[in-house]
Amino acid sequence: GLVEMKQKYESKTYLHFDKKTSFNSKVENYVKDFEKNPSHSFLPLIFDERVSERYIGFSEDVSQNYIREGKITPIKLKKRKIMYASHIDNFVYKHYALELNRLYNDYLINNGSEDVSLAYRHDSETFSGKCNIHFSAEVINYIKDNPNCIVYVGDFSDFFDTLKHDYLKSMINKLYSGMRMPKHQFKIFNSLTKFSYINKSDIEEHLGTDEEM
């Protein structure tokens, strides 16, 4: 097949609707067979909301400060919505995401964008062994050597939540010969754009928490 594993995929430890499993030979063969026979049925995702704290500095607006142990603390609570797949689904997503990643790298090279786009390039030989720290250092050094350069900083709010699916589909199609993704990738695409999910809090209400199970 197009994807050849360099090492076994990492197993997840969280509880889900299927049993925890390692990427053993049986699971590996099942995942690889999905390319030729995409009959696998994806389970609903589990939705959870993680709350983290971020330091923002003191504010004159009292409503922006938080009280902890009787003291005003300059933090902002950041809620992060996450959804995670079942254990077998996770292996399928991982395996065929690498297929897209390698095709994406080839597309950038063929279109002269190899040194421009950095995101999601973990399988590129050019960026092998590098991470965001290395890329940031390169930018900082470039700015230092070119003090008159212009740096534009921006962010897309809720990028993945608002990305139009038809546009995403057309971009994925460009990666394949014939400008059309194969059946196994189309089924994965549908599972991620027309997904179903269950709140973890609802599961815990009926079955208890991870620690209780």
Protein backbone atom coordinates (compact mmCIF):
# COMPACT_ATOMS: atom_id res chain seq x y z
CA GLY A 1 0.00 0.00 0.00
CA LEU A 2 0.90 3.67 -0.12
CA VAL A 3 1.56 3.87 3.60
CA GLU A 4 4.35 1.84 5.17
CA MET A 5 4.78 2.09 8.93
CA LYS A 6 8.20 2.90 10.29
CA GLN A 7 7.10 1.78 13.74
CA LYS A 8 4.02 0.54 15.57
CA TYR A 9 1.40 3.14 16.34
CA GLU A 10 1.03 4.23 19.93
CA SER A 11 -1.91 2.85 21.90
CA LYS A 12 -4.20 5.16 23.88
CA THR A 13 -5.14 4.49 27.49
CA TYR A 14 -8.46 6.31 27.75
CA LEU A 15 -11.78 4.51 28.04
CA HIS A 16 -14.02 4.40 24.99
CA PHE A 17 -16.79 2.32 23.44
CA ASP A 18 -14.37 -0.36 22.29
CA LYS A 19 -11.68 -2.20 24.22
CA LYS A 20 -8.19 -0.83 24.65
CA THR A 21 -5.85 -2.61 22.28
CA SER A 22 -2.27 -2.49 21.14
CA PHE A 23 -1.33 -2.21 17.49
CA ASN A 24 -0.77 -5.95 17.23
CA SER A 25 -0.58 -7.93 13.99
CA LYS A 26 -4.34 -8.56 13.94
CA VAL A 27 -5.16 -4.86 14.31
CA GLU A 28 -2.43 -3.91 11.83
CA ASN A 29 -3.86 -6.22 9.16
CA TYR A 30 -7.36 -4.91 9.84
CA VAL A 31 -6.24 -1.29 9.42
CA LYS A 32 -4.27 -2.02 6.25
CA ASP A 33 -7.20 -3.92 4.74
CA PHE A 34 -9.40 -0.83 5.10
CA GLU A 35 -7.75 0.67 1.98
CA LYS A 36 -8.96 -2.20 -0.21
CA ASN A 37 -12.21 -2.83 1.64
CA PRO A 38 -13.40 0.32 3.44
CA SER A 39 -16.24 -1.42 5.29
CA HIS A 40 -15.19 -0.35 8.79
CA SER A 41 -17.95 1.43 10.75
CA PHE A 42 -16.72 4.36 12.82
CA LEU A 43 -17.99 4.71 16.38
CA PRO A 44 -19.27 8.01 17.83
CA LEU A 45 -16.65 10.35 19.25
CA ILE A 46 -16.57 11.27 22.93
CA PHE A 47 -16.82 14.99 23.67
CA ASP A 48 -15.06 16.56 26.63
CA GLU A 49 -14.19 20.08 27.71
CA ARG A 50 -10.83 20.76 29.33
CA VAL A 51 -10.28 23.92 31.36
CA SER A 52 -6.82 25.44 31.62
CA GLU A 53 -5.49 28.68 33.10
CA ARG A 54 -3.52 31.36 31.30
CA TYR A 55 -1.73 34.29 32.92
CA ILE A 56 -2.98 37.60 31.50
CA GLY A 57 -1.71 40.23 33.98
CA PHE A 58 -3.72 42.29 36.42
CA SER A 59 -6.65 44.22 35.05
CA GLU A 60 -8.48 47.25 36.33
CA ASP A 61 -11.63 45.43 35.36
CA VAL A 62 -12.27 43.26 38.40
CA SER A 63 -14.41 40.89 36.34
CA GLN A 64 -11.28 39.82 34.43
CA ASN A 65 -9.44 38.79 37.59
CA TYR A 66 -10.13 35.62 39.53
CA ILE A 67 -10.04 35.02 43.27
CA ARG A 68 -8.09 32.01 44.47
CA GLU A 69 -7.59 31.26 48.16
CA GLY A 70 -8.81 34.75 48.99
CA LYS A 71 -6.37 36.49 46.67
CA ILE A 72 -6.95 38.17 43.33
CA THR A 73 -5.21 36.14 40.64
CA PRO A 74 -4.61 37.51 37.11
CA ILE A 75 -5.59 34.46 35.09
CA LYS A 76 -7.98 33.67 32.34
CA LEU A 77 -9.81 30.38 32.19
CA LYS A 78 -9.52 28.85 28.75
CA LYS A 79 -11.98 26.14 27.76
CA ARG A 80 -10.77 23.69 25.17
CA LYS A 81 -13.30 21.46 23.46
CA ILE A 82 -11.92 18.09 22.41
CA MET A 83 -13.35 14.98 20.81
CA TYR A 84 -11.54 11.68 20.71
CA ALA A 85 -12.08 8.55 18.68
CA SER A 86 -12.36 4.93 19.69
CA HIS A 87 -9.18 2.86 19.80
CA ILE A 88 -9.59 1.10 16.44
CA ASP A 89 -10.85 4.30 14.80
CA ASN A 90 -7.77 6.09 16.13
CA PHE A 91 -5.48 3.61 14.38
CA VAL A 92 -7.40 3.97 11.11
CA TYR A 93 -7.27 7.77 11.29
CA LYS A 94 -3.57 7.74 12.14
CA HIS A 95 -2.59 5.37 9.36
CA TYR A 96 -4.41 7.13 6.57
CA ALA A 97 -3.62 10.62 7.85
CA LEU A 98 0.00 9.71 7.11
CA GLU A 99 -1.06 8.85 3.58
CA LEU A 100 -2.46 12.36 3.16
CA ASN A 101 0.58 13.88 4.83
CA ARG A 102 2.99 12.31 2.37
CA LEU A 103 0.87 13.27 -0.61
CA TYR A 104 0.64 16.80 0.78
CA ASN A 105 4.43 17.01 1.08
CA ASP A 106 4.79 15.87 -2.53
CA TYR A 107 2.21 18.46 -3.62
CA LEU A 108 4.12 21.29 -1.93
CA ILE A 109 7.42 20.20 -3.48
CA ASN A 110 5.88 19.96 -6.96
CA ASN A 111 4.32 23.41 -6.59
CA GLY A 112 7.38 25.20 -5.23
CA SER A 113 6.01 25.68 -1.70
CA GLU A 114 8.35 23.32 0.12
CA ASP A 115 10.02 26.09 2.14
CA VAL A 116 6.86 28.15 2.73
CA SER A 117 4.28 25.97 4.41
CA LEU A 118 5.35 24.56 7.79
CA ALA A 119 2.16 23.24 9.41
CA TYR A 120 1.50 19.48 9.44
CA ARG A 121 4.81 18.63 7.77
CA HIS A 122 5.98 16.07 10.33
CA ASP A 123 6.58 13.41 7.69
CA SER A 124 8.63 15.63 5.39
CA GLU A 125 12.30 14.69 5.03
CA THR A 126 13.12 18.41 4.87
CA PHE A 127 11.73 18.97 8.37
CA SER A 128 12.79 15.65 9.85
CA GLY A 129 13.83 16.02 13.49
CA LYS A 130 12.62 19.60 13.68
CA CYS A 131 9.76 21.15 15.65
CA ASN A 132 8.20 24.59 16.13
CA ILE A 133 11.15 25.66 18.28
CA HIS A 134 13.53 25.23 15.33
CA PHE A 135 11.21 27.08 12.97
CA SER A 136 10.75 29.93 15.45
CA ALA A 137 14.53 30.22 15.84
CA GLU A 138 14.91 30.50 12.07
CA VAL A 139 12.36 33.32 11.95
CA ILE A 140 13.97 35.15 14.88
CA ASN A 141 17.41 34.90 13.28
CA TYR A 142 16.03 36.13 9.97
CA ILE A 143 14.43 39.16 11.65
CA LYS A 144 17.72 39.87 13.44
CA ASP A 145 19.61 39.80 10.15
CA ASN A 146 16.91 41.82 8.36
CA PRO A 147 15.76 44.55 10.78
CA ASN A 148 13.68 46.29 8.10
CA CYS A 149 11.54 43.27 7.33
CA ILE A 150 7.79 43.25 8.01
CA VAL A 151 6.30 40.58 10.26
CA TYR A 152 2.58 39.89 10.03
CA VAL A 153 1.00 38.03 12.95
CA GLY A 154 -2.51 36.66 12.72
CA ASP A 155 -4.78 33.87 13.82
CA PHE A 156 -7.95 32.23 12.56
CA SER A 157 -10.64 32.02 15.20
CA ASP A 158 -12.32 28.58 15.32
CA PHE A 159 -10.56 27.66 12.07
CA PHE A 160 -11.41 23.95 12.03
CA ASP A 161 -14.96 24.52 13.29
CA THR A 162 -15.75 26.93 10.46
CA LEU A 163 -13.78 25.39 7.59
CA LYS A 164 -16.11 24.73 4.67
CA HIS A 165 -16.26 21.01 3.96
CA ASP A 166 -16.70 21.39 0.20
CA TYR A 167 -13.49 23.42 0.03
CA LEU A 168 -11.62 20.90 2.18
CA LYS A 169 -12.84 18.07 -0.03
CA SER A 170 -11.67 19.83 -3.19
CA MET A 171 -8.22 20.41 -1.68
CA ILE A 172 -7.86 16.75 -0.69
CA ASN A 173 -8.94 15.69 -4.18
CA LYS A 174 -6.02 17.68 -5.61
CA LEU A 175 -3.58 15.36 -3.86
CA TYR A 176 -4.69 12.33 -5.87
CA SER A 177 -4.29 11.46 -9.51
CA GLY A 178 -7.57 11.96 -11.31
CA MET A 179 -8.38 14.77 -8.84
CA ARG A 180 -10.55 12.44 -6.77
CA MET A 181 -9.84 10.86 -3.41
CA PRO A 182 -10.17 7.06 -3.23
CA LYS A 183 -13.08 5.37 -1.48
CA HIS A 184 -11.25 4.72 1.78
CA GLN A 185 -10.28 8.37 2.17
CA PHE A 186 -13.78 9.50 1.23
CA LYS A 187 -15.27 7.33 3.96
CA ILE A 188 -12.81 8.79 6.49
CA PHE A 189 -13.66 12.29 5.24
CA ASN A 190 -17.38 11.64 5.77
CA SER A 191 -16.79 10.20 9.23
CA LEU A 192 -15.01 13.41 10.27
CA THR A 193 -17.35 15.92 8.64
CA LYS A 194 -20.63 14.18 9.44
CA PHE A 195 -19.66 12.84 12.83
CA SER A 196 -21.73 11.95 15.85
CA TYR A 197 -20.59 12.33 19.45
CA ILE A 198 -21.63 11.71 23.04
CA ASN A 199 -20.82 13.99 25.96
CA LYS A 200 -18.41 12.42 28.41
CA SER A 201 -20.42 13.95 31.26
CA ASP A 202 -23.50 12.00 30.12
CA ILE A 203 -21.48 8.78 30.06
CA GLU A 204 -20.13 9.44 33.55
CA GLU A 205 -23.63 10.19 34.83
CA HIS A 206 -24.80 6.72 33.81
CA LEU A 207 -21.61 4.64 34.16
CA GLY A 208 -19.33 6.58 36.47
CA THR A 209 -15.95 8.22 35.87
CA ASP A 210 -12.84 6.59 34.42
CA GLU A 211 -11.50 6.03 37.93
CA GLU A 212 -14.72 4.34 39.02
CA MET A 213 -14.90 1.91 36.11
